[in-house]
C-alpha atoms as a PDB file:
ATOM      1  CA  UNK A   1      94.103 130.285  79.335  1.00  0.00           C
ATOM      2  CA  UNK A   2      91.536 133.050  79.540  1.00  0.00           C
ATOM      3  CA  UNK A   3      88.044 133.733  80.866  1.00  0.00           C
ATOM      4  CA  UNK A   4      85.919 136.418  79.241  1.00  0.00           C
ATOM      5  CA  UNK A   5      83.397 137.710  81.783  1.00  0.00           C
ATOM      6  CA  UNK A   6      80.464 139.238  79.905  1.00  0.00           C
ATOM      7  CA  UNK A   7      77.335 140.982  81.087  1.00  0.00           C
ATOM      8  CA  UNK A   8      74.200 140.435  79.014  1.00  0.00           C
ATOM      9  CA  UNK A   9      72.783 143.073  76.670  1.00  0.00           C
ATOM     10  CA  UNK A  10      70.353 145.762  77.732  1.00  0.00           C
ATOM     11  CA  UNK A  11      66.745 145.063  78.671  1.00  0.00           C
ATOM     12  CA  UNK A  12      63.884 147.522  78.900  1.00  0.00           C
ATOM     13  CA  UNK A  13      63.743 146.875  82.642  1.00  0.00           C
ATOM     14  CA  UNK A  14      67.448 147.743  83.053  1.00  0.00           C
ATOM     15  CA  UNK A  15      66.638 151.157  81.631  1.00  0.00           C
ATOM     16  CA  UNK A  16      63.496 151.482  83.752  1.00  0.00           C
ATOM     17  CA  UNK A  17      65.554 150.469  86.845  1.00  0.00           C
ATOM     18  CA  UNK A  18      63.260 147.600  87.748  1.00  0.00           C
ATOM     19  CA  UNK A  19      64.277 144.365  89.499  1.00  0.00           C
ATOM     20  CA  UNK A  20      63.826 141.890  86.691  1.00  0.00           C
ATOM     21  CA  UNK A  21      61.677 138.767  86.493  1.00  0.00           C
ATOM     22  CA  UNK A  22      63.599 135.714  85.358  1.00  0.00           C
ATOM     23  CA  UNK A  23      62.043 135.700  81.889  1.00  0.00           C
ATOM     24  CA  UNK A  24      62.991 139.291  80.953  1.00  0.00           C
ATOM     25  CA  UNK A  25      64.218 139.408  77.302  1.00  0.00           C
ATOM     26  CA  UNK A  26      66.725 141.716  75.644  1.00  0.00           C
ATOM     27  CA  UNK A  27      65.415 144.950  74.175  1.00  0.00           C
ATOM     28  CA  UNK A  28      66.095 145.787  70.526  1.00  0.00           C
ATOM     29  CA  UNK A  29      69.002 147.900  71.742  1.00  0.00           C
ATOM     30  CA  UNK A  30      70.231 144.972  73.813  1.00  0.00           C
ATOM     31  CA  UNK A  31      70.195 142.717  70.762  1.00  0.00           C
ATOM     32  CA  UNK A  32      72.250 145.319  68.858  1.00  0.00           C
ATOM     33  CA  UNK A  33      74.707 145.422  71.752  1.00  0.00           C
ATOM     34  CA  UNK A  34      74.994 141.621  71.763  1.00  0.00           C
ATOM     35  CA  UNK A  35      75.687 141.616  68.017  1.00  0.00           C
ATOM     36  CA  UNK A  36      78.391 144.285  68.451  1.00  0.00           C
ATOM     37  CA  UNK A  37      80.038 142.287  71.222  1.00  0.00           C
ATOM     38  CA  UNK A  38      79.860 139.128  69.122  1.00  0.00           C
ATOM     39  CA  UNK A  39      81.645 140.896  66.289  1.00  0.00           C
ATOM     40  CA  UNK A  40      84.415 141.888  68.691  1.00  0.00           C
ATOM     41  CA  UNK A  41      84.766 138.355  70.062  1.00  0.00           C
ATOM     42  CA  UNK A  42      84.881 136.798  66.592  1.00  0.00           C
ATOM     43  CA  UNK A  43      88.612 137.604  66.526  1.00  0.00           C
ATOM     44  CA  UNK A  44      89.363 136.331  70.049  1.00  0.00           C
ATOM     45  CA  UNK A  45      89.394 132.555  69.411  1.00  0.00           C
ATOM     46  CA  UNK A  46      86.534 131.702  71.750  1.00  0.00           C
ATOM     47  CA  UNK A  47      86.536 127.937  72.270  1.00  0.00           C
ATOM     48  CA  UNK A  48      83.277 127.569  74.200  1.00  0.00           C
ATOM     49  CA  UNK A  49      80.602 129.608  75.975  1.00  0.00           C
ATOM     50  CA  UNK A  50      79.080 129.031  79.399  1.00  0.00           C
ATOM     51  CA  UNK A  51      75.994 131.136  80.077  1.00  0.00           C
ATOM     52  CA  UNK A  52      73.329 131.799  82.638  1.00  0.00           C
ATOM     53  CA  UNK A  53      70.157 130.103  81.474  1.00  0.00           C
ATOM     54  CA  UNK A  54      68.061 133.266  81.901  1.00  0.00           C
ATOM     55  CA  UNK A  55      66.803 134.572  78.529  1.00  0.00           C
ATOM     56  CA  UNK A  56      68.680 137.888  78.561  1.00  0.00           C
ATOM     57  CA  UNK A  57      72.024 136.146  79.069  1.00  0.00           C
ATOM     58  CA  UNK A  58      71.265 133.228  76.777  1.00  0.00           C
ATOM     59  CA  UNK A  59      70.284 135.511  73.883  1.00  0.00           C
ATOM     60  CA  UNK A  60      73.597 137.337  74.321  1.00  0.00           C
ATOM     61  CA  UNK A  61      75.466 134.029  74.394  1.00  0.00           C
ATOM     62  CA  UNK A  62      73.760 132.831  71.212  1.00  0.00           C
ATOM     63  CA  UNK A  63      74.887 135.957  69.369  1.00  0.00           C
ATOM     64  CA  UNK A  64      78.456 135.160  70.396  1.00  0.00           C
ATOM     65  CA  UNK A  65      78.011 131.548  69.310  1.00  0.00           C
ATOM     66  CA  UNK A  66      76.803 132.622  65.873  1.00  0.00           C
ATOM     67  CA  UNK A  67      79.873 134.826  65.387  1.00  0.00           C
ATOM     68  CA  UNK A  68      82.479 132.441  66.796  1.00  0.00           C
ATOM     69  CA  UNK A  69      81.153 128.948  66.069  1.00  0.00           C
ATOM     70  CA  UNK A  70      81.510 128.079  69.758  1.00  0.00           C
ATOM     71  CA  UNK A  71      78.853 126.000  71.471  1.00  0.00           C
ATOM     72  CA  UNK A  72      76.755 127.328  74.353  1.00  0.00           C
ATOM     73  CA  UNK A  73      76.359 125.486  77.646  1.00  0.00           C
ATOM     74  CA  UNK A  74      74.079 126.807  80.386  1.00  0.00           C
ATOM     75  CA  UNK A  75      74.141 126.685  84.160  1.00  0.00           C
ATOM     76  CA  UNK A  76      71.780 128.141  86.733  1.00  0.00           C
ATOM     77  CA  UNK A  77      74.814 128.888  88.916  1.00  0.00           C
ATOM     78  CA  UNK A  78      75.372 131.988  86.761  1.00  0.00           C
ATOM     79  CA  UNK A  79      71.867 133.389  87.252  1.00  0.00           C
ATOM     80  CA  UNK A  80      71.382 136.854  88.716  1.00  0.00           C
ATOM     81  CA  UNK A  81      70.621 137.084  92.431  1.00  0.00           C
ATOM     82  CA  UNK A  82      67.045 135.980  93.033  1.00  0.00           C
ATOM     83  CA  UNK A  83      64.988 138.832  94.479  1.00  0.00           C
ATOM     84  CA  UNK A  84      61.909 136.664  94.829  1.00  0.00           C
ATOM     85  CA  UNK A  85      58.658 138.549  95.368  1.00  0.00           C
ATOM     86  CA  UNK A  86      60.423 141.866  94.731  1.00  0.00           C
ATOM     87  CA  UNK A  87      61.061 141.098  91.081  1.00  0.00           C
ATOM     88  CA  UNK A  88      59.083 143.542  88.984  1.00  0.00           C
ATOM     89  CA  UNK A  89      59.431 146.345  91.562  1.00  0.00           C
ATOM     90  CA  UNK A  90      60.943 149.741  90.793  1.00  0.00           C
ATOM     91  CA  UNK A  91      64.385 149.891  92.400  1.00  0.00           C
ATOM     92  CA  UNK A  92      64.363 153.646  93.070  1.00  0.00           C
ATOM     93  CA  UNK A  93      61.089 153.436  94.962  1.00  0.00           C
ATOM     94  CA  UNK A  94      62.331 150.913  97.521  1.00  0.00           C
ATOM     95  CA  UNK A  95      63.014 151.866 101.127  1.00  0.00           C
ATOM     96  CA  UNK A  96      66.180 149.732 101.249  1.00  0.00           C
ATOM     97  CA  UNK A  97      68.837 148.813  98.697  1.00  0.00           C
ATOM     98  CA  UNK A  98      68.037 145.238  97.628  1.00  0.00           C
ATOM     99  CA  UNK A  99      71.305 144.945  95.680  1.00  0.00           C
ATOM    100  CA  UNK A 100      73.406 145.160  98.847  1.00  0.00           C
ATOM    101  CA  UNK A 101      71.084 143.900 101.587  1.00  0.00           C
ATOM    102  CA  UNK A 102      72.260 140.769 103.399  1.00  0.00           C
ATOM    103  CA  UNK A 103      68.834 139.370 104.187  1.00  0.00           C
ATOM    104  CA  UNK A 104      66.802 137.367 101.698  1.00  0.00           C
ATOM    105  CA  UNK A 105      63.817 139.145 100.130  1.00  0.00           C
ATOM    106  CA  UNK A 106      60.534 137.216 100.451  1.00  0.00           C
ATOM    107  CA  UNK A 107      60.924 134.122  98.302  1.00  0.00           C
ATOM    108  CA  UNK A 108      64.436 135.209  97.308  1.00  0.00           C
ATOM    109  CA  UNK A 109      68.134 134.714  98.012  1.00  0.00           C
ATOM    110  CA  UNK A 110      70.230 136.172 100.824  1.00  0.00           C
ATOM    111  CA  UNK A 111      73.530 137.846 100.012  1.00  0.00           C
ATOM    112  CA  UNK A 112      75.608 135.109 101.707  1.00  0.00           C
ATOM    113  CA  UNK A 113      73.733 132.425  99.765  1.00  0.00           C
ATOM    114  CA  UNK A 114      74.229 134.365  96.540  1.00  0.00           C
ATOM    115  CA  UNK A 115      77.945 134.805  97.188  1.00  0.00           C
ATOM    116  CA  UNK A 116      78.325 131.067  97.873  1.00  0.00           C
ATOM    117  CA  UNK A 117      76.566 130.308  94.587  1.00  0.00           C
ATOM    118  CA  UNK A 118      78.818 132.723  92.680  1.00  0.00           C
ATOM    119  CA  UNK A 119      81.862 130.997  94.199  1.00  0.00           C
ATOM    120  CA  UNK A 120      80.537 127.664  92.904  1.00  0.00           C
ATOM    121  CA  UNK A 121      79.914 129.271  89.508  1.00  0.00           C
ATOM    122  CA  UNK A 122      83.490 130.535  89.354  1.00  0.00           C
ATOM    123  CA  UNK A 123      84.873 127.121  90.298  1.00  0.00           C
ATOM    124  CA  UNK A 124      82.691 125.603  87.578  1.00  0.00           C
ATOM    125  CA  UNK A 125      83.901 127.896  84.789  1.00  0.00           C
ATOM    126  CA  UNK A 126      87.545 127.615  85.868  1.00  0.00           C
ATOM    127  CA  UNK A 127      87.255 123.816  85.739  1.00  0.00           C
ATOM    128  CA  UNK A 128      85.490 124.003  82.373  1.00  0.00           C
ATOM    129  CA  UNK A 129      88.221 126.213  80.948  1.00  0.00           C
ATOM    130  CA  UNK A 130      90.927 123.862  82.206  1.00  0.00           C
ATOM    131  CA  UNK A 131      89.282 121.059  80.251  1.00  0.00           C
ATOM    132  CA  UNK A 132      89.237 123.194  77.101  1.00  0.00           C
ATOM    133  CA  UNK A 133      92.673 124.721  77.213  1.00  0.00           C
ATOM    134  CA  UNK A 134      91.377 127.743  75.294  1.00  0.00           C
ATOM    135  CA  UNK A 135      89.330 130.910  75.767  1.00  0.00           C
ATOM    136  CA  UNK A 136      86.006 130.487  77.572  1.00  0.00           C
ATOM    137  CA  UNK A 137      83.304 133.156  77.306  1.00  0.00           C
ATOM    138  CA  UNK A 138      81.157 133.412  80.450  1.00  0.00           C
ATOM    139  CA  UNK A 139      77.865 135.254  79.950  1.00  0.00           C
ATOM    140  CA  UNK A 140      76.117 136.332  83.116  1.00  0.00           C
ATOM    141  CA  UNK A 141      74.648 139.257  85.072  1.00  0.00           C
ATOM    142  CA  UNK A 142      75.713 142.475  86.735  1.00  0.00           C
ATOM    143  CA  UNK A 143      75.713 141.369  90.366  1.00  0.00           C
ATOM    144  CA  UNK A 144      77.440 138.102  89.490  1.00  0.00           C
ATOM    145  CA  UNK A 145      80.274 139.914  87.731  1.00  0.00           C
ATOM    146  CA  UNK A 146      80.515 142.502  90.504  1.00  0.00           C
ATOM    147  CA  UNK A 147      80.912 139.677  93.038  1.00  0.00           C
ATOM    148  CA  UNK A 148      83.474 137.871  90.881  1.00  0.00           C
ATOM    149  CA  UNK A 149      85.565 141.011  90.490  1.00  0.00           C
ATOM    150  CA  UNK A 150      85.391 141.753  94.208  1.00  0.00           C
ATOM    151  CA  UNK A 151      86.053 138.279  95.607  1.00  0.00           C
ATOM    152  CA  UNK A 152      87.726 136.117  92.972  1.00  0.00           C
ATOM    153  CA  UNK A 153      89.667 138.334  90.551  1.00  0.00           C
ATOM    154  CA  UNK A 154      92.840 140.369  90.989  1.00  0.00           C
ATOM    155  CA  UNK A 155      92.210 143.774  89.445  1.00  0.00           C
ATOM    156  CA  UNK A 156      95.012 145.703  87.735  1.00  0.00           C
ATOM    157  CA  UNK A 157      96.910 148.073  90.008  1.00  0.00           C
ATOM    158  CA  UNK A 158      95.093 151.392  90.152  1.00  0.00           C
ATOM    159  CA  UNK A 159      91.786 149.943  88.938  1.00  0.00           C
ATOM    160  CA  UNK A 160      88.831 150.387  91.294  1.00  0.00           C
ATOM    161  CA  UNK A 161      85.833 148.117  91.501  1.00  0.00           C
ATOM    162  CA  UNK A 162      83.341 149.431  88.922  1.00  0.00           C
ATOM    163  CA  UNK A 163      80.247 151.045  90.382  1.00  0.00           C
ATOM    164  CA  UNK A 164      78.340 150.492  87.137  1.00  0.00           C
ATOM    165  CA  UNK A 165      78.804 147.451  84.907  1.00  0.00           C
ATOM    166  CA  UNK A 166      77.885 148.217  81.318  1.00  0.00           C
ATOM    167  CA  UNK A 167      75.555 146.044  79.293  1.00  0.00           C
ATOM    168  CA  UNK A 168      77.712 143.647  77.229  1.00  0.00           C
ATOM    169  CA  UNK A 169      80.764 144.841  79.160  1.00  0.00           C
ATOM    170  CA  UNK A 170      83.825 142.642  78.734  1.00  0.00           C
ATOM    171  CA  UNK A 171      86.341 141.770  81.443  1.00  0.00           C
ATOM    172  CA  UNK A 172      89.304 139.551  80.577  1.00  0.00           C
ATOM    173  CA  UNK A 173      90.622 137.372  83.399  1.00  0.00           C
ATOM    174  CA  UNK A 174      93.356 134.740  83.630  1.00  0.00           C
ATOM    175  CA  UNK A 175      91.920 131.285  84.225  1.00  0.00           C
ATOM    176  CA  UNK A 176      94.659 130.409  86.727  1.00  0.00           C
ATOM    177  CA  UNK A 177      95.302 131.927  90.174  1.00  0.00           C
ATOM    178  CA  UNK A 178      95.495 134.735  91.120  1.00  0.00           C
ATOM    179  CA  UNK A 179      93.026 135.249  88.239  1.00  0.00           C
ATOM    180  CA  UNK A 180      94.520 138.584  87.241  1.00  0.00           C
ATOM    181  CA  UNK A 181      92.355 140.820  85.070  1.00  0.00           C
ATOM    182  CA  UNK A 182      93.859 142.586  82.080  1.00  0.00           C
ATOM    183  CA  UNK A 183      90.640 144.369  81.081  1.00  0.00           C
ATOM    184  CA  UNK A 184      87.669 145.376  83.234  1.00  0.00           C
ATOM    185  CA  UNK A 185      84.170 146.522  82.270  1.00  0.00           C
ATOM    186  CA  UNK A 186      85.010 147.485  78.685  1.00  0.00           C
ATOM    187  CA  UNK A 187      82.248 148.485  76.245  1.00  0.00           C
ATOM    188  CA  UNK A 188      84.458 149.915  73.477  1.00  0.00           C
ATOM    189  CA  UNK A 189      82.678 147.675  70.949  1.00  0.00           C
ATOM    190  CA  UNK A 190      79.443 149.662  71.308  1.00  0.00           C
ATOM    191  CA  UNK A 191      78.715 152.377  68.746  1.00  0.00           C
ATOM    192  CA  UNK A 192      77.023 155.577  70.006  1.00  0.00           C
ATOM    193  CA  UNK A 193      73.611 154.436  68.762  1.00  0.00           C
ATOM    194  CA  UNK A 194      73.804 151.344  71.001  1.00  0.00           C
ATOM    195  CA  UNK A 195      76.014 152.697  73.778  1.00  0.00           C
ATOM    196  CA  UNK A 196      75.575 151.625  77.383  1.00  0.00           C
ATOM    197  CA  UNK A 197      73.157 153.702  79.445  1.00  0.00           C
ATOM    198  CA  UNK A 198      75.137 154.610  82.570  1.00  0.00           C
ATOM    199  CA  UNK A 199      71.902 155.368  84.443  1.00  0.00           C
ATOM    200  CA  UNK A 200      70.457 151.897  83.791  1.00  0.00           C
ATOM    201  CA  UNK A 201      70.362 149.449  86.663  1.00  0.00           C
ATOM    202  CA  UNK A 202      73.437 147.234  86.531  1.00  0.00           C
ATOM    203  CA  UNK A 203      72.137 144.493  88.790  1.00  0.00           C
ATOM    204  CA  UNK A 204      68.899 142.757  89.590  1.00  0.00           C
END
């Protein structure tokens, strides 16, 4: 009765700290990270995978599917927050912090709207897991996972909200209330050559 919350592998724009267009693919390093995560999950009896339909998440999900034999379903509810006309802009050059701002960027999504969508996404994956009765892998994005951990998951005592979510990080969460986490933001599956870049942007 478990949910595996997984951030997608690295992209070149994560490293460059750019707000990403929807069609951003994994980098070669990101593909290696996804393969390493898939190898780890091959022993965890994954029954099914629900993924964001954005390419960087879907490529990560397909690596997991190849290693586990689980099928991949997609939903746009798990997409990263939509930064609209600001996608493609360098994060560090912006006058405000788009990752925490409440207002909607031009053509984008406000924080309250994003949080409501993430709540619907969580309800969706919890319902999907209940229908499976097994372990469900959920492949999504940094801000989605950050919101889930803050608003929908009970963290272990003494564990703070992560300030940086690693690429292909794994968080293990009970599928039933209070949705207690037993592991948060773990990238132990990554070898040094494909380790997470702690300076990379972990949202957007």
